[in-house]
Protein backbone atom coordinates (compact mmCIF):
# COMPACT_ATOMS: atom_id res chain seq x y z
CA MET A 1 23.89 -13.65 17.28
CA SER A 2 25.50 -10.38 18.37
CA ILE A 3 24.41 -6.91 17.30
CA GLU A 4 27.65 -6.42 15.40
CA LYS A 5 26.92 -9.25 12.97
CA THR A 6 25.20 -8.46 9.71
CA TYR A 7 22.04 -10.31 8.68
CA THR A 8 23.15 -11.59 5.30
CA ASP A 9 20.84 -14.05 3.54
CA THR A 10 23.01 -16.87 4.90
CA VAL A 11 22.57 -15.68 8.49
CA PHE A 12 18.84 -15.18 7.96
CA ILE A 13 18.45 -18.73 6.60
CA ASP A 14 20.45 -20.00 9.57
CA CYS A 15 18.00 -18.23 11.91
CA ILE A 16 15.14 -20.01 10.17
CA ALA A 17 16.93 -23.33 10.58
CA ARG A 18 17.20 -22.67 14.33
CA GLY A 19 13.42 -22.37 14.51
CA ASN A 20 12.54 -18.78 15.46
CA PRO A 21 14.16 -16.07 13.31
CA GLU A 22 11.56 -13.47 14.32
CA LYS A 23 12.35 -13.83 18.02
CA GLN A 24 16.11 -13.50 17.46
CA ILE A 25 15.80 -10.50 15.19
CA ILE A 26 13.40 -8.75 17.57
CA GLU A 27 15.84 -9.34 20.44
CA ASP A 28 18.68 -7.84 18.43
CA PHE A 29 16.47 -4.93 17.39
CA LEU A 30 15.68 -4.21 21.04
CA LEU A 31 19.37 -4.34 21.89
CA ASP A 32 19.99 -1.84 19.10
CA CYS A 33 17.30 0.40 20.62
CA LYS A 34 18.94 0.11 24.02
CA VAL A 35 22.32 1.12 22.56
CA ARG A 36 20.56 4.12 20.99
CA ASN A 37 19.25 5.02 24.47
CA PHE A 38 15.55 4.53 23.79
CA SER A 39 13.39 4.43 26.91
CA PRO A 40 12.17 1.04 28.26
CA ARG A 41 8.58 2.12 27.66
CA THR A 42 9.30 2.96 24.01
CA MET A 43 11.06 -0.37 23.53
CA GLN A 44 8.14 -2.26 25.08
CA SER A 45 5.75 -0.46 22.73
CA TYR A 46 7.94 -1.31 19.73
CA LYS A 47 8.09 -4.96 20.78
CA SER A 48 4.31 -5.24 21.16
CA HIS A 49 3.57 -3.60 17.80
CA ILE A 50 6.19 -5.55 15.88
CA LYS A 51 5.25 -8.94 17.35
CA TYR A 52 1.62 -8.34 16.38
CA PHE A 53 2.59 -7.38 12.83
CA LEU A 54 4.87 -10.42 12.46
CA SER A 55 2.11 -12.71 13.73
CA ARG A 56 0.25 -11.82 10.52
CA HIS A 57 2.96 -11.01 7.98
CA PRO A 58 6.53 -12.14 7.14
CA ILE A 59 9.62 -10.15 8.05
CA LYS A 60 10.38 -9.59 4.37
CA SER A 61 6.98 -8.02 3.80
CA SER A 62 5.54 -6.19 0.81
CA VAL A 63 3.52 -3.04 0.24
CA GLN A 64 0.44 -5.26 0.02
CA ASP A 65 1.24 -6.63 3.48
CA TYR A 66 1.37 -3.09 4.87
CA LYS A 67 -1.92 -2.23 3.18
CA ASP A 68 -3.57 -5.35 4.62
CA PHE A 69 -2.23 -4.54 8.08
CA LEU A 70 -3.42 -0.93 7.90
CA VAL A 71 -6.93 -2.06 6.93
CA HIS A 72 -6.86 -4.67 9.70
CA ILE A 73 -5.95 -2.34 12.59
CA ARG A 74 -7.88 0.67 11.29
CA ASP A 75 -11.11 -0.87 9.96
CA GLU A 76 -11.36 -4.30 11.59
CA LYS A 77 -9.84 -3.55 15.01
CA ASN A 78 -11.12 0.06 14.97
CA TYR A 79 -7.92 1.40 16.51
CA ALA A 80 -7.74 5.15 17.08
CA PRO A 81 -5.79 7.21 14.52
CA SER A 82 -3.03 7.85 17.05
CA THR A 83 -2.70 4.11 17.73
CA VAL A 84 -2.52 3.33 14.01
CA GLY A 85 0.17 5.96 13.67
CA ASN A 86 2.11 4.47 16.59
CA TYR A 87 2.05 1.01 15.00
CA PHE A 88 3.56 2.29 11.77
CA ALA A 89 6.08 4.45 13.64
CA SER A 90 7.26 1.28 15.40
CA LEU A 91 7.42 -0.64 12.13
CA CYS A 92 9.35 2.20 10.52
CA THR A 93 12.02 2.06 13.23
CA PHE A 94 12.13 -1.74 12.99
CA TYR A 95 12.58 -1.80 9.21
CA ASP A 96 15.17 0.95 9.42
CA PHE A 97 17.10 -1.49 11.64
CA LEU A 98 16.54 -4.32 9.14
CA GLU A 99 17.84 -2.15 6.32
CA TRP A 100 20.92 -1.36 8.42
CA GLU A 101 21.44 -5.08 9.04
CA GLU A 102 20.83 -5.86 5.33
CA VAL A 103 17.82 -8.09 5.95
CA VAL A 104 15.82 -5.88 3.57
CA ASN A 105 17.14 -3.79 0.72
CA ARG A 106 15.18 -0.67 1.63
CA ASN A 107 12.80 0.53 4.32
CA ILE A 108 9.72 1.55 2.34
CA ILE A 109 7.52 2.43 5.31
CA PRO A 110 8.37 6.18 5.26
CA ALA A 111 6.99 6.38 1.73
CA PHE A 112 4.02 4.20 2.73
CA ARG A 113 3.20 6.46 5.69
CA LYS A 114 3.45 9.57 3.51
CA ARG A 115 1.01 8.12 0.99
CA TYR A 116 -1.51 6.38 3.25
CA LEU A 117 -1.27 7.99 6.68
CA ARG A 118 -0.50 11.65 6.01
CA TYR A 119 -4.15 12.72 6.39
CA TYR A 120 -4.86 10.17 9.07
CA LYS A 121 -4.63 12.45 12.08
CA THR A 122 -6.97 13.51 14.87
CA PRO A 123 -7.42 17.27 15.27
CA ARG A 124 -5.77 18.37 18.50
CA SER A 125 -8.52 20.89 19.17
CA GLU A 126 -11.18 18.22 19.77
CA GLU A 127 -12.13 17.46 23.35
CA ARG A 128 -12.25 13.94 24.70
CA GLN A 129 -15.57 12.49 25.70
CA LEU A 130 -16.70 13.04 29.28
CA ILE A 131 -19.26 10.56 30.58
CA ASN A 132 -21.40 11.15 33.64
CA ILE A 133 -21.35 9.20 36.90
CA GLU A 134 -24.28 6.96 35.91
CA GLN A 135 -22.60 6.06 32.62
CA MET A 136 -19.38 5.21 34.43
CA ARG A 137 -21.30 2.96 36.80
CA ASP A 138 -22.87 1.20 33.79
CA LEU A 139 -19.44 0.75 32.22
CA VAL A 140 -17.93 -0.73 35.38
CA ASP A 141 -20.90 -3.08 35.77
CA ALA A 142 -20.88 -4.15 32.09
CA PRO A 143 -18.16 -6.89 32.17
CA SER A 144 -19.14 -10.24 33.63
CA TRP A 145 -15.50 -10.97 34.53
CA ILE A 146 -14.33 -9.37 37.78
CA GLY A 147 -10.89 -8.58 36.32
CA TYR A 148 -12.21 -6.08 33.78
CA LYS A 149 -14.68 -4.68 36.31
CA ALA A 150 -11.83 -4.06 38.78
CA MET A 151 -9.65 -2.52 36.07
CA PHE A 152 -12.35 -0.09 34.91
CA LEU A 153 -13.16 0.97 38.47
CA PHE A 154 -9.49 1.38 39.37
CA PHE A 155 -8.96 3.59 36.31
CA ALA A 156 -11.98 5.73 37.20
CA LYS A 157 -11.02 6.07 40.86
CA THR A 158 -7.30 6.80 40.39
CA GLY A 159 -6.99 8.57 37.04
CA ILE A 160 -3.72 6.79 36.31
CA ARG A 161 -2.37 6.29 32.82
CA ARG A 162 -2.62 2.99 30.97
CA GLN A 163 1.11 2.19 31.22
CA GLU A 164 1.08 3.02 34.93
CA LEU A 165 -1.65 0.42 35.46
CA ILE A 166 0.19 -2.17 33.35
CA ASP A 167 3.39 -1.72 35.39
CA LEU A 168 1.69 -2.21 38.77
CA ASP A 169 2.59 -5.28 40.84
CA ARG A 170 0.57 -6.81 43.66
CA GLU A 171 3.21 -5.70 46.15
CA ASP A 172 2.58 -2.05 45.19
CA LEU A 173 -0.96 -2.25 46.57
CA ASN A 174 -1.79 -1.42 50.19
CA LEU A 175 -5.37 -2.56 50.72
CA ALA A 176 -5.34 -1.77 54.43
CA LYS A 177 -4.66 1.94 53.83
CA ASN A 178 -6.35 2.33 50.42
CA TYR A 179 -3.39 3.40 48.34
CA VAL A 180 -0.97 2.14 45.70
CA ILE A 181 2.59 3.20 44.91
CA LEU A 182 3.14 3.63 41.18
CA LYS A 183 6.36 2.78 39.40
CA PRO A 184 8.50 5.80 38.40
CA HIS A 185 7.18 7.53 35.28
CA PRO A 186 8.73 10.51 33.45
CA LYS A 187 5.42 12.40 33.37
CA ARG A 188 4.50 11.86 37.02
CA THR A 189 5.67 13.51 40.24
CA ASN A 190 3.52 12.13 43.07
CA ARG A 191 3.51 8.29 42.92
CA THR A 192 1.11 7.66 45.84
CA VAL A 193 -2.40 7.13 44.47
CA PHE A 194 -5.52 6.59 46.58
CA PHE A 195 -8.74 4.66 46.03
CA ASP A 196 -11.95 4.60 48.04
CA GLU A 197 -13.91 1.86 49.80
CA GLU A 198 -16.10 0.80 46.87
CA CYS A 199 -12.99 0.37 44.74
CA LYS A 200 -11.36 -1.55 47.59
CA GLN A 201 -14.25 -4.03 47.79
CA VAL A 202 -14.08 -4.78 44.06
CA LEU A 203 -10.30 -5.16 44.26
CA LYS A 204 -10.77 -7.71 47.06
CA GLN A 205 -13.16 -9.72 44.85
CA TYR A 206 -10.65 -9.61 42.00
CA LEU A 207 -7.72 -10.65 44.21
CA LYS A 208 -9.85 -13.53 45.52
CA TRP A 209 -10.36 -14.63 41.90
CA LYS A 210 -6.58 -14.55 41.37
CA HIS A 211 -6.06 -16.60 44.52
CA ASN A 212 -8.72 -19.16 43.62
CA HIS A 213 -7.21 -19.60 40.16
CA GLU A 214 -3.70 -19.84 41.60
CA ILE A 215 -2.39 -16.92 39.52
CA LYS A 216 1.26 -16.53 40.57
CA ASN A 217 2.07 -13.64 38.24
CA PRO A 218 3.36 -10.69 40.34
CA ALA A 219 1.40 -8.22 38.19
CA LEU A 220 -1.55 -6.59 39.91
CA PHE A 221 -3.72 -6.65 36.80
CA VAL A 222 -3.67 -9.73 34.60
CA GLY A 223 -5.73 -10.96 31.67
CA LYS A 224 -8.01 -13.98 31.78
CA GLN A 225 -5.06 -16.29 31.04
CA GLY A 226 -3.10 -14.99 34.04
CA ARG A 227 -0.50 -12.96 32.15
CA ARG A 228 0.17 -9.27 32.83
CA ILE A 229 -2.47 -7.16 31.13
CA THR A 230 -1.33 -5.59 27.85
CA LYS A 231 -1.82 -2.20 26.31
CA ASP A 232 -3.84 -3.62 23.42
CA THR A 233 -6.11 -5.68 25.69
CA ILE A 234 -6.91 -2.63 27.83
CA TYR A 235 -7.78 -0.64 24.74
CA GLU A 236 -9.87 -3.37 23.14
CA VAL A 237 -11.97 -4.23 26.21
CA THR A 238 -12.50 -0.55 27.01
CA ILE A 239 -13.96 0.30 23.63
CA GLU A 240 -15.85 -3.01 23.51
CA TYR A 241 -17.81 -2.32 26.69
CA ALA A 242 -18.12 1.42 26.05
CA LYS A 243 -19.71 0.55 22.73
CA LYS A 244 -22.11 -1.86 24.44
CA CYS A 245 -23.04 0.91 26.87
CA GLY A 246 -23.80 3.22 23.95
CA PHE A 247 -21.17 5.91 24.29
CA HIS A 248 -18.40 4.81 21.94
CA ASN A 249 -18.47 5.52 18.23
CA PRO A 250 -16.23 2.88 16.56
CA ASP A 251 -15.76 4.98 13.41
CA PRO A 252 -12.05 5.97 13.44
CA GLU A 253 -12.94 9.04 11.36
CA GLY A 254 -15.58 10.10 13.87
CA PRO A 255 -15.08 12.97 16.32
CA LEU A 256 -12.93 12.35 19.38
CA CYS A 257 -15.78 13.48 21.66
CA GLU A 258 -17.79 10.43 20.56
CA ARG A 259 -15.04 7.90 21.30
CA PHE A 260 -14.32 6.37 24.70
CA THR A 261 -10.72 5.20 25.07
CA PRO A 262 -8.66 4.32 28.19
CA HIS A 263 -7.51 7.94 28.53
CA CYS A 264 -11.14 8.99 29.03
CA PHE A 265 -10.99 7.45 32.52
CA ARG A 266 -8.38 10.09 33.44
CA HIS A 267 -10.61 12.76 31.96
CA PHE A 268 -13.53 11.49 34.06
CA PHE A 269 -11.40 11.36 37.21
CA THR A 270 -10.11 14.92 36.84
CA THR A 271 -13.35 16.58 35.81
CA TRP A 272 -15.61 14.98 38.39
CA LEU A 273 -13.17 15.68 41.22
CA ARG A 274 -13.17 19.32 40.17
CA ARG A 275 -16.97 19.44 39.89
CA SER A 276 -17.22 17.91 43.37
CA GLY A 277 -15.29 20.87 44.75
CA CYS A 278 -11.83 19.32 45.15
CA PRO A 279 -9.10 22.03 45.35
CA ARG A 280 -6.97 22.48 42.26
CA GLY A 281 -3.70 21.75 44.09
CA ILE A 282 -5.04 18.42 45.38
CA ILE A 283 -6.14 17.40 41.89
CA GLN A 284 -2.67 18.23 40.58
CA GLU A 285 -1.10 16.03 43.24
CA LEU A 286 -3.50 13.16 42.59
CA ARG A 287 -2.79 13.34 38.86
CA GLY A 288 0.95 13.57 39.49
CA ASP A 289 1.24 16.75 37.42
CA ILE A 290 4.32 18.96 37.51
CA ARG A 291 3.47 22.11 39.45
CA LYS A 292 4.65 25.12 37.46
CA GLU A 293 3.14 28.26 38.95
CA ALA A 294 4.85 29.90 41.93
CA ILE A 295 1.77 29.63 44.13
CA ASP A 296 1.70 25.87 43.45
CA ILE A 297 5.41 25.35 44.05
CA TYR A 298 5.32 27.06 47.44
CA ASP A 299 2.07 25.38 48.51
CA HIS A 300 3.32 22.30 50.37
CA ILE A 301 0.54 19.73 50.54
CA THR A 302 0.99 16.76 52.86
CA ILE A 303 0.08 13.20 51.97
CA ASP A 304 -2.57 13.20 54.72
CA GLU A 305 -4.20 16.29 53.20
CA ILE A 306 -4.28 14.58 49.80
CA SER A 307 -5.81 11.41 51.24
CA GLU A 308 -8.43 13.29 53.25
CA ALA A 309 -9.45 15.47 50.31
CA TYR A 310 -9.59 12.51 47.94
CA MET A 311 -11.93 10.54 50.21
CA ARG A 312 -14.14 13.61 50.66
CA TYR A 313 -14.48 14.62 47.01
CA MET A 314 -14.18 11.39 44.99
CA PRO A 315 -17.68 10.69 43.61
CA LYS A 316 -19.29 7.38 44.58
CA LEU A 317 -20.57 5.26 41.71
CA GLY A 318 -22.77 2.96 43.78
CA ILE A 319 -20.89 -0.20 42.78
CA LYS A 320 -21.86 -3.27 44.81
């Protein structure tokens, strides 16, 4: 079915007869997004959100379906306000497409968001939670599965973003020289990221697990079933173990400083490097930040300087 064709009731019924109307419509929606020049990351986020919604509700959904889904992700899954908002932003774009293709008469999600999500926002002034080194060690040690242990430690030792970790392949990792090359990302400049020896040892244990279980997936980080780790899985296991360790408040209305989400690893990485005495310019390079001030632009830092400073200032957690 091409993007030019309209989803009349006849076409929709034909999709059902062919066995998987949701898959076909999602594919055409993603093609529409591509034509509209949406970024690959945005399209992947849309796909993930929409597939999860359609696993619980029909394409021709009702207001009650949206209410049930909001309660599910907000109260049962305890997703952060920003995540809940992202889900409904994805659904809004999807149903706008369905209205255009005449699958639904009207996209009612804008009105739904105005009524039920307009006060559902996190104040920007709140600071994220910063845990100490002992708490981070407890968090890394909490999972019994080596995959989650390696993922938590890699986050803490590199400060990379969630999508950057998801996109990593095994071939991007250089264990011999303790660094990884990230995929291009619009918010990042420096793509070479370092990790220390204790992170390296845990990575070796994890890669041995992958080898023993004959995981052929090229992704560096996979879930227990061997598929590339997903955004939702990273979020869910992070808050699950942070809650077990006693420093995550699952109340979505609670203050941001009491919640521990995947982005808190980046907060930990940055703050504890600074407190260890790492120079500001090195931290900027390690984070991949755009250097704006003149003194930063004209301060040329070599990759060897970054590596040396990282190994000197990165706090050790005492992971065995």
